[in-house]
Amino acid sequence: MNVKLSDLFTIEYPKQMIFSEQEIKDKGINFISSKGTNNGVVGRITKNPENKFYSGGAITVPLKGTVLQAFYQKEEFQIAHQV
């Protein structure tokens, strides 16, 4: 029996969002990139209403950098384009 990932998960490819172009905010929401440490979190940013944000309870998987190293995100976040 073959099972597709899309049968188990909702798979999304985010729009382009680059960390260095975001407003850094110590108490903001997590920004997830292809970083292989710290659960993929590169910093906290002001929530950008022009881009989608995600609730906690999601799995992120980088397509570059630490390719296919999955991380569980328990807090709200926004995400880089290569994840």
PDB file of N, CA and C in Angstrom:
ATOM      1  N   MET A   1       0.842  -1.188   0.000  1.00  0.00           N
ATOM      2  CA  MET A   1       0.000   0.000   0.000  1.00  0.00           C
ATOM      3  C   MET A   1       0.881   1.244   0.000  1.00  0.00           C
ATOM      4  N   ASN A   2       0.683   2.104  -0.959  1.00  0.00           N
ATOM      5  CA  ASN A   2       1.418   3.364  -1.038  1.00  0.00           C
ATOM      6  C   ASN A   2       0.568   4.479  -0.456  1.00  0.00           C
ATOM      7  N   VAL A   3       1.184   5.271   0.411  1.00  0.00           N
ATOM      8  CA  VAL A   3       0.505   6.413   1.005  1.00  0.00           C
ATOM      9  C   VAL A   3       1.297   7.664   0.641  1.00  0.00           C
ATOM     10  N   LYS A   4       0.608   8.643   0.089  1.00  0.00           N
ATOM     11  CA  LYS A   4       1.244   9.907  -0.269  1.00  0.00           C
ATOM     12  C   LYS A   4       1.273  10.821   0.954  1.00  0.00           C
ATOM     13  N   LEU A   5       2.312  11.640   1.054  1.00  0.00           N
ATOM     14  CA  LEU A   5       2.364  12.614   2.140  1.00  0.00           C
ATOM     15  C   LEU A   5       1.148  13.529   2.115  1.00  0.00           C
ATOM     16  N   SER A   6       0.682  13.864   0.930  1.00  0.00           N
ATOM     17  CA  SER A   6      -0.486  14.745   0.809  1.00  0.00           C
ATOM     18  C   SER A   6      -1.768  14.082   1.321  1.00  0.00           C
ATOM     19  N   ASP A   7      -1.759  12.758   1.485  1.00  0.00           N
ATOM     20  CA  ASP A   7      -2.898  12.066   2.094  1.00  0.00           C
ATOM     21  C   ASP A   7      -2.876  12.222   3.615  1.00  0.00           C
ATOM     22  N   LEU A   8      -1.703  12.505   4.170  1.00  0.00           N
ATOM     23  CA  LEU A   8      -1.540  12.612   5.616  1.00  0.00           C
ATOM     24  C   LEU A   8      -1.446  14.051   6.116  1.00  0.00           C
ATOM     25  N   PHE A   9      -0.911  14.944   5.265  1.00  0.00           N
ATOM     26  CA  PHE A   9      -0.644  16.314   5.668  1.00  0.00           C
ATOM     27  C   PHE A   9      -1.157  17.293   4.622  1.00  0.00           C
ATOM     28  N   THR A  10      -1.413  18.526   5.064  1.00  0.00           N
ATOM     29  CA  THR A  10      -1.660  19.630   4.147  1.00  0.00           C
ATOM     30  C   THR A  10      -0.296  20.214   3.820  1.00  0.00           C
ATOM     31  N   ILE A  11       0.093  20.194   2.562  1.00  0.00           N
ATOM     32  CA  ILE A  11       1.403  20.669   2.156  1.00  0.00           C
ATOM     33  C   ILE A  11       1.262  22.024   1.490  1.00  0.00           C
ATOM     34  N   GLU A  12       2.019  22.999   1.983  1.00  0.00           N
ATOM     35  CA  GLU A  12       1.965  24.352   1.444  1.00  0.00           C
ATOM     36  C   GLU A  12       3.365  24.829   1.111  1.00  0.00           C
ATOM     37  N   TYR A  13       3.478  25.636   0.069  1.00  0.00           N
ATOM     38  CA  TYR A  13       4.727  26.275  -0.310  1.00  0.00           C
ATOM     39  C   TYR A  13       4.520  27.774  -0.135  1.00  0.00           C
ATOM     40  N   PRO A  14       5.188  28.388   0.829  1.00  0.00           N
ATOM     41  CA  PRO A  14       4.928  29.803   1.126  1.00  0.00           C
ATOM     42  C   PRO A  14       5.459  30.746   0.059  1.00  0.00           C
ATOM     43  N   LYS A  15       4.931  31.966   0.092  1.00  0.00           N
ATOM     44  CA  LYS A  15       5.429  33.030  -0.784  1.00  0.00           C
ATOM     45  C   LYS A  15       6.822  33.440  -0.309  1.00  0.00           C
ATOM     46  N   GLN A  16       7.520  34.159  -1.158  1.00  0.00           N
ATOM     47  CA  GLN A  16       8.867  34.578  -0.802  1.00  0.00           C
ATOM     48  C   GLN A  16       8.846  35.573   0.354  1.00  0.00           C
ATOM     49  N   MET A  17       9.575  35.231   1.392  1.00  0.00           N
ATOM     50  CA  MET A  17       9.718  36.088   2.554  1.00  0.00           C
ATOM     51  C   MET A  17      11.160  35.931   3.018  1.00  0.00           C
ATOM     52  N   ILE A  18      11.879  37.032   3.187  1.00  0.00           N
ATOM     53  CA  ILE A  18      13.295  36.989   3.538  1.00  0.00           C
ATOM     54  C   ILE A  18      13.486  37.640   4.911  1.00  0.00           C
ATOM     55  N   PHE A  19      14.159  36.937   5.799  1.00  0.00           N
ATOM     56  CA  PHE A  19      14.327  37.393   7.180  1.00  0.00           C
ATOM     57  C   PHE A  19      14.922  38.802   7.251  1.00  0.00           C
ATOM     58  N   SER A  20      15.954  39.074   6.489  1.00  0.00           N
ATOM     59  CA  SER A  20      16.633  40.364   6.566  1.00  0.00           C
ATOM     60  C   SER A  20      15.744  41.529   6.121  1.00  0.00           C
ATOM     61  N   GLU A  21      14.634  41.234   5.482  1.00  0.00           N
ATOM     62  CA  GLU A  21      13.711  42.280   5.041  1.00  0.00           C
ATOM     63  C   GLU A  21      12.567  42.504   6.026  1.00  0.00           C
ATOM     64  N   GLN A  22      12.572  41.756   7.140  1.00  0.00           N
ATOM     65  CA  GLN A  22      11.501  41.854   8.124  1.00  0.00           C
ATOM     66  C   GLN A  22      11.912  42.772   9.273  1.00  0.00           C
ATOM     67  N   GLU A  23      10.911  43.275  10.005  1.00  0.00           N
ATOM     68  CA  GLU A  23      11.169  44.102  11.180  1.00  0.00           C
ATOM     69  C   GLU A  23      11.390  43.170  12.368  1.00  0.00           C
ATOM     70  N   ILE A  24      12.587  43.224  12.949  1.00  0.00           N
ATOM     71  CA  ILE A  24      12.945  42.381  14.082  1.00  0.00           C
ATOM     72  C   ILE A  24      12.208  42.888  15.322  1.00  0.00           C
ATOM     73  N   LYS A  25      11.650  41.951  16.104  1.00  0.00           N
ATOM     74  CA  LYS A  25      10.914  42.322  17.315  1.00  0.00           C
ATOM     75  C   LYS A  25      11.123  41.218  18.347  1.00  0.00           C
ATOM     76  N   ASP A  26      11.740  41.550  19.477  1.00  0.00           N
ATOM     77  CA  ASP A  26      12.065  40.556  20.504  1.00  0.00           C
ATOM     78  C   ASP A  26      10.861  39.728  20.947  1.00  0.00           C
ATOM     79  N   LYS A  27       9.713  40.336  21.046  1.00  0.00           N
ATOM     80  CA  LYS A  27       8.509  39.610  21.489  1.00  0.00           C
ATOM     81  C   LYS A  27       7.569  39.338  20.324  1.00  0.00           C
ATOM     82  N   GLY A  28       8.114  39.325  19.115  1.00  0.00           N
ATOM     83  CA  GLY A  28       7.313  39.055  17.923  1.00  0.00           C
ATOM     84  C   GLY A  28       7.085  37.568  17.730  1.00  0.00           C
ATOM     85  N   ILE A  29       6.721  37.192  16.507  1.00  0.00           N
ATOM     86  CA  ILE A  29       6.492  35.780  16.222  1.00  0.00           C
ATOM     87  C   ILE A  29       7.754  35.177  15.600  1.00  0.00           C
ATOM     88  N   ASN A  30       7.882  33.879  15.732  1.00  0.00           N
ATOM     89  CA  ASN A  30       9.045  33.180  15.189  1.00  0.00           C
ATOM     90  C   ASN A  30       9.087  33.300  13.668  1.00  0.00           C
ATOM     91  N   PHE A  31      10.300  33.424  13.154  1.00  0.00           N
ATOM     92  CA  PHE A  31      10.536  33.374  11.713  1.00  0.00           C
ATOM     93  C   PHE A  31      11.341  32.111  11.455  1.00  0.00           C
ATOM     94  N   ILE A  32      10.797  31.222  10.637  1.00  0.00           N
ATOM     95  CA  ILE A  32      11.411  29.927  10.359  1.00  0.00           C
ATOM     96  C   ILE A  32      12.119  29.978   9.016  1.00  0.00           C
ATOM     97  N   SER A  33      13.367  29.513   9.004  1.00  0.00           N
ATOM     98  CA  SER A  33      14.159  29.457   7.783  1.00  0.00           C
ATOM     99  C   SER A  33      14.719  28.042   7.659  1.00  0.00           C
ATOM    100  N   SER A  34      15.720  27.882   6.818  1.00  0.00           N
ATOM    101  CA  SER A  34      16.310  26.560   6.606  1.00  0.00           C
ATOM    102  C   SER A  34      17.454  26.272   7.573  1.00  0.00           C
ATOM    103  N   LYS A  35      17.547  27.061   8.625  1.00  0.00           N
ATOM    104  CA  LYS A  35      18.574  26.882   9.650  1.00  0.00           C
ATOM    105  C   LYS A  35      18.426  25.497  10.280  1.00  0.00           C
ATOM    106  N   GLY A  36      19.532  24.818  10.511  1.00  0.00           N
ATOM    107  CA  GLY A  36      19.495  23.453  11.032  1.00  0.00           C
ATOM    108  C   GLY A  36      19.479  23.354  12.543  1.00  0.00           C
ATOM    109  N   THR A  37      19.506  24.484  13.238  1.00  0.00           N
ATOM    110  CA  THR A  37      19.473  24.477  14.702  1.00  0.00           C
ATOM    111  C   THR A  37      18.317  25.336  15.190  1.00  0.00           C
ATOM    112  N   ASN A  38      18.072  25.277  16.492  1.00  0.00           N
ATOM    113  CA  ASN A  38      17.034  26.097  17.132  1.00  0.00           C
ATOM    114  C   ASN A  38      15.663  25.897  16.485  1.00  0.00           C
ATOM    115  N   ASN A  39      15.395  24.681  16.061  1.00  0.00           N
ATOM    116  CA  ASN A  39      14.096  24.337  15.471  1.00  0.00           C
ATOM    117  C   ASN A  39      13.804  25.117  14.187  1.00  0.00           C
ATOM    118  N   GLY A  40      14.856  25.632  13.542  1.00  0.00           N
ATOM    119  CA  GLY A  40      14.687  26.409  12.321  1.00  0.00           C
ATOM    120  C   GLY A  40      14.397  27.876  12.554  1.00  0.00           C
ATOM    121  N   VAL A  41      14.286  28.281  13.826  1.00  0.00           N
ATOM    122  CA  VAL A  41      13.969  29.678  14.154  1.00  0.00           C
ATOM    123  C   VAL A  41      15.234  30.522  14.012  1.00  0.00           C
ATOM    124  N   VAL A  42      15.171  31.559  13.174  1.00  0.00           N
ATOM    125  CA  VAL A  42      16.314  32.460  13.014  1.00  0.00           C
ATOM    126  C   VAL A  42      16.141  33.752  13.795  1.00  0.00           C
ATOM    127  N   GLY A  43      14.936  34.023  14.247  1.00  0.00           N
ATOM    128  CA  GLY A  43      14.671  35.220  15.035  1.00  0.00           C
ATOM    129  C   GLY A  43      13.183  35.440  15.179  1.00  0.00           C
ATOM    130  N   ARG A  44      12.841  36.547  15.811  1.00  0.00           N
ATOM    131  CA  ARG A  44      11.439  36.931  15.977  1.00  0.00           C
ATOM    132  C   ARG A  44      11.207  38.229  15.214  1.00  0.00           C
ATOM    133  N   ILE A  45      10.041  38.317  14.606  1.00  0.00           N
ATOM    134  CA  ILE A  45       9.715  39.473  13.771  1.00  0.00           C
ATOM    135  C   ILE A  45       8.332  40.012  14.109  1.00  0.00           C
ATOM    136  N   THR A  46       8.066  41.218  13.652  1.00  0.00           N
ATOM    137  CA  THR A  46       6.715  41.763  13.696  1.00  0.00           C
ATOM    138  C   THR A  46       5.896  40.986  12.680  1.00  0.00           C
ATOM    139  N   LYS A  47       4.705  40.556  13.070  1.00  0.00           N
ATOM    140  CA  LYS A  47       3.845  39.808  12.150  1.00  0.00           C
ATOM    141  C   LYS A  47       3.563  40.651  10.916  1.00  0.00           C
ATOM    142  N   ASN A  48       3.867  40.117   9.760  1.00  0.00           N
ATOM    143  CA  ASN A  48       3.686  40.816   8.498  1.00  0.00           C
ATOM    144  C   ASN A  48       2.331  40.413   7.906  1.00  0.00           C
ATOM    145  N   PRO A  49       1.331  41.309   7.927  1.00  0.00           N
ATOM    146  CA  PRO A  49      -0.008  40.953   7.437  1.00  0.00           C
ATOM    147  C   PRO A  49      -0.071  40.688   5.929  1.00  0.00           C
ATOM    148  N   GLU A  50       0.984  41.061   5.205  1.00  0.00           N
ATOM    149  CA  GLU A  50       1.006  40.809   3.766  1.00  0.00           C
ATOM    150  C   GLU A  50       1.350  39.355   3.438  1.00  0.00           C
ATOM    151  N   ASN A  51       1.880  38.643   4.412  1.00  0.00           N
ATOM    152  CA  ASN A  51       2.252  37.242   4.209  1.00  0.00           C
ATOM    153  C   ASN A  51       1.495  36.360   5.195  1.00  0.00           C
ATOM    154  N   LYS A  52       1.293  35.144   4.813  1.00  0.00           N
ATOM    155  CA  LYS A  52       0.552  34.208   5.650  1.00  0.00           C
ATOM    156  C   LYS A  52       1.334  33.908   6.926  1.00  0.00           C
ATOM    157  N   PHE A  53       0.605  33.775   8.003  1.00  0.00           N
ATOM    158  CA  PHE A  53       1.218  33.297   9.229  1.00  0.00           C
ATOM    159  C   PHE A  53       0.531  31.992   9.598  1.00  0.00           C
ATOM    160  N   TYR A  54       1.228  31.191  10.351  1.00  0.00           N
ATOM    161  CA  TYR A  54       0.771  29.850  10.675  1.00  0.00           C
ATOM    162  C   TYR A  54       0.637  29.696  12.182  1.00  0.00           C
ATOM    163  N   SER A  55      -0.366  28.963  12.602  1.00  0.00           N
ATOM    164  CA  SER A  55      -0.544  28.662  14.011  1.00  0.00           C
ATOM    165  C   SER A  55       0.442  27.585  14.416  1.00  0.00           C
ATOM    166  N   GLY A  56       0.644  27.437  15.697  1.00  0.00           N
ATOM    167  CA  GLY A  56       1.469  26.346  16.183  1.00  0.00           C
ATOM    168  C   GLY A  56       0.822  25.010  15.824  1.00  0.00           C
ATOM    169  N   GLY A  57       1.594  23.952  15.974  1.00  0.00           N
ATOM    170  CA  GLY A  57       1.082  22.629  15.659  1.00  0.00           C
ATOM    171  C   GLY A  57       1.396  22.192  14.244  1.00  0.00           C
ATOM    172  N   ALA A  58       2.414  22.814  13.644  1.00  0.00           N
ATOM    173  CA  ALA A  58       2.775  22.514  12.263  1.00  0.00           C
ATOM    174  C   ALA A  58       4.183  21.922  12.195  1.00  0.00           C
ATOM    175  N   ILE A  59       4.447  21.224  11.120  1.00  0.00           N
ATOM    176  CA  ILE A  59       5.772  20.693  10.848  1.00  0.00           C
ATOM    177  C   ILE A  59       6.350  21.476   9.684  1.00  0.00           C
ATOM    178  N   THR A  60       7.574  21.980   9.844  1.00  0.00           N
ATOM    179  CA  THR A  60       8.251  22.698   8.764  1.00  0.00           C
ATOM    180  C   THR A  60       9.393  21.835   8.236  1.00  0.00           C
ATOM    181  N   VAL A  61       9.589  21.902   6.914  1.00  0.00           N
ATOM    182  CA  VAL A  61      10.628  21.089   6.259  1.00  0.00           C
ATOM    183  C   VAL A  61      11.363  21.964   5.246  1.00  0.00           C
ATOM    184  N   PRO A  62      12.660  22.233   5.467  1.00  0.00           N
ATOM    185  CA  PRO A  62      13.426  23.053   4.527  1.00  0.00           C
ATOM    186  C   PRO A  62      13.641  22.356   3.182  1.00  0.00           C
ATOM    187  N   LEU A  63      13.621  23.147   2.128  1.00  0.00           N
ATOM    188  CA  LEU A  63      13.905  22.642   0.788  1.00  0.00           C
ATOM    189  C   LEU A  63      15.322  23.007   0.356  1.00  0.00           C
ATOM    190  N   LYS A  64      16.000  23.847   1.145  1.00  0.00           N
ATOM    191  CA  LYS A  64      17.395  24.234   0.935  1.00  0.00           C
ATOM    192  C   LYS A  64      18.075  24.210   2.298  1.00  0.00           C
ATOM    193  N   GLY A  65      19.379  24.309   2.322  1.00  0.00           N
ATOM    194  CA  GLY A  65      20.092  24.324   3.597  1.00  0.00           C
ATOM    195  C   GLY A  65      20.064  22.950   4.232  1.00  0.00           C
ATOM    196  N   THR A  66      19.346  22.807   5.335  1.00  0.00           N
ATOM    197  CA  THR A  66      19.208  21.508   6.004  1.00  0.00           C
ATOM    198  C   THR A  66      18.029  20.759   5.388  1.00  0.00           C
ATOM    199  N   VAL A  67      18.198  20.335   4.171  1.00  0.00           N
ATOM    200  CA  VAL A  67      17.128  19.755   3.363  1.00  0.00           C
ATOM    201  C   VAL A  67      16.450  18.580   4.070  1.00  0.00           C
ATOM    202  N   LEU A  68      15.136  18.667   4.111  1.00  0.00           N
ATOM    203  CA  LEU A  68      14.251  17.623   4.642  1.00  0.00           C
ATOM    204  C   LEU A  68      14.448  17.304   6.120  1.00  0.00           C
ATOM    205  N   GLN A  69      15.040  18.207   6.878  1.00  0.00           N
ATOM    206  CA  GLN A  69      15.145  18.054   8.326  1.00  0.00           C
ATOM    207  C   GLN A  69      13.893  18.688   8.929  1.00  0.00           C
ATOM    208  N   ALA A  70      12.954  17.880   9.354  1.00  0.00           N
ATOM    209  CA  ALA A  70      11.658  18.369   9.813  1.00  0.00           C
ATOM    210  C   ALA A  70      11.732  18.899  11.249  1.00  0.00           C
ATOM    211  N   PHE A  71      10.997  19.980  11.496  1.00  0.00           N
ATOM    212  CA  PHE A  71      10.889  20.560  12.832  1.00  0.00           C
ATOM    213  C   PHE A  71       9.417  20.768  13.164  1.00  0.00           C
ATOM    214  N   TYR A  72       9.062  20.517  14.412  1.00  0.00           N
ATOM    215  CA  TYR A  72       7.710  20.774  14.905  1.00  0.00           C
ATOM    216  C   TYR A  72       7.667  22.180  15.468  1.00  0.00           C
ATOM    217  N   GLN A  73       6.732  22.985  14.984  1.00  0.00           N
ATOM    218  CA  GLN A  73       6.573  24.359  15.455  1.00  0.00           C
ATOM    219  C   GLN A  73       5.382  24.424  16.400  1.00  0.00           C
ATOM    220  N   LYS A  74       5.642  24.715  17.663  1.00  0.00           N
ATOM    221  CA  LYS A  74       4.540  24.754  18.626  1.00  0.00           C
ATOM    222  C   LYS A  74       3.955  26.154  18.805  1.00  0.00           C
ATOM    223  N   GLU A  75       4.686  27.178  18.331  1.00  0.00           N
ATOM    224  CA  GLU A  75       4.211  28.560  18.430  1.00  0.00           C
ATOM    225  C   GLU A  75       3.861  29.104  17.045  1.00  0.00           C
ATOM    226  N   GLU A  76       3.087  30.178  17.039  1.00  0.00           N
ATOM    227  CA  GLU A  76       2.749  30.869  15.790  1.00  0.00           C
ATOM    228  C   GLU A  76       4.033  31.308  15.078  1.00  0.00           C
ATOM    229  N   PHE A  77       4.017  31.300  13.735  1.00  0.00           N
ATOM    230  CA  PHE A  77       5.225  31.653  13.000  1.00  0.00           C
ATOM    231  C   PHE A  77       4.923  32.149  11.596  1.00  0.00           C
ATOM    232  N   GLN A  78       5.937  32.767  11.015  1.00  0.00           N
ATOM    233  CA  GLN A  78       5.959  33.064   9.589  1.00  0.00           C
ATOM    234  C   GLN A  78       7.193  32.369   9.046  1.00  0.00           C
ATOM    235  N   ILE A  79       7.245  32.215   7.735  1.00  0.00           N
ATOM    236  CA  ILE A  79       8.215  31.280   7.193  1.00  0.00           C
ATOM    237  C   ILE A  79       8.916  31.814   5.959  1.00  0.00           C
ATOM    238  N   ALA A  80      10.180  31.435   5.817  1.00  0.00           N
ATOM    239  CA  ALA A  80      10.966  31.808   4.642  1.00  0.00           C
ATOM    240  C   ALA A  80      10.483  31.026   3.422  1.00  0.00           C
ATOM    241  N   HIS A  81      10.815  31.518   2.260  1.00  0.00           N
ATOM    242  CA  HIS A  81      10.341  30.921   1.017  1.00  0.00           C
ATOM    243  C   HIS A  81      10.935  29.553   0.727  1.00  0.00           C
ATOM    244  N   GLN A  82      12.075  29.203   1.303  1.00  0.00           N
ATOM    245  CA  GLN A  82      12.712  27.934   0.968  1.00  0.00           C
ATOM    246  C   GLN A  82      12.326  26.808   1.933  1.00  0.00           C
ATOM    247  N   VAL A  83      11.272  27.008   2.706  1.00  0.00           N
ATOM    248  CA  VAL A  83      10.823  25.985   3.669  1.00  0.00           C
ATOM    249  C   VAL A  83       9.478  25.454   3.243  1.00  0.00           C
TER     250      VAL A  83
END
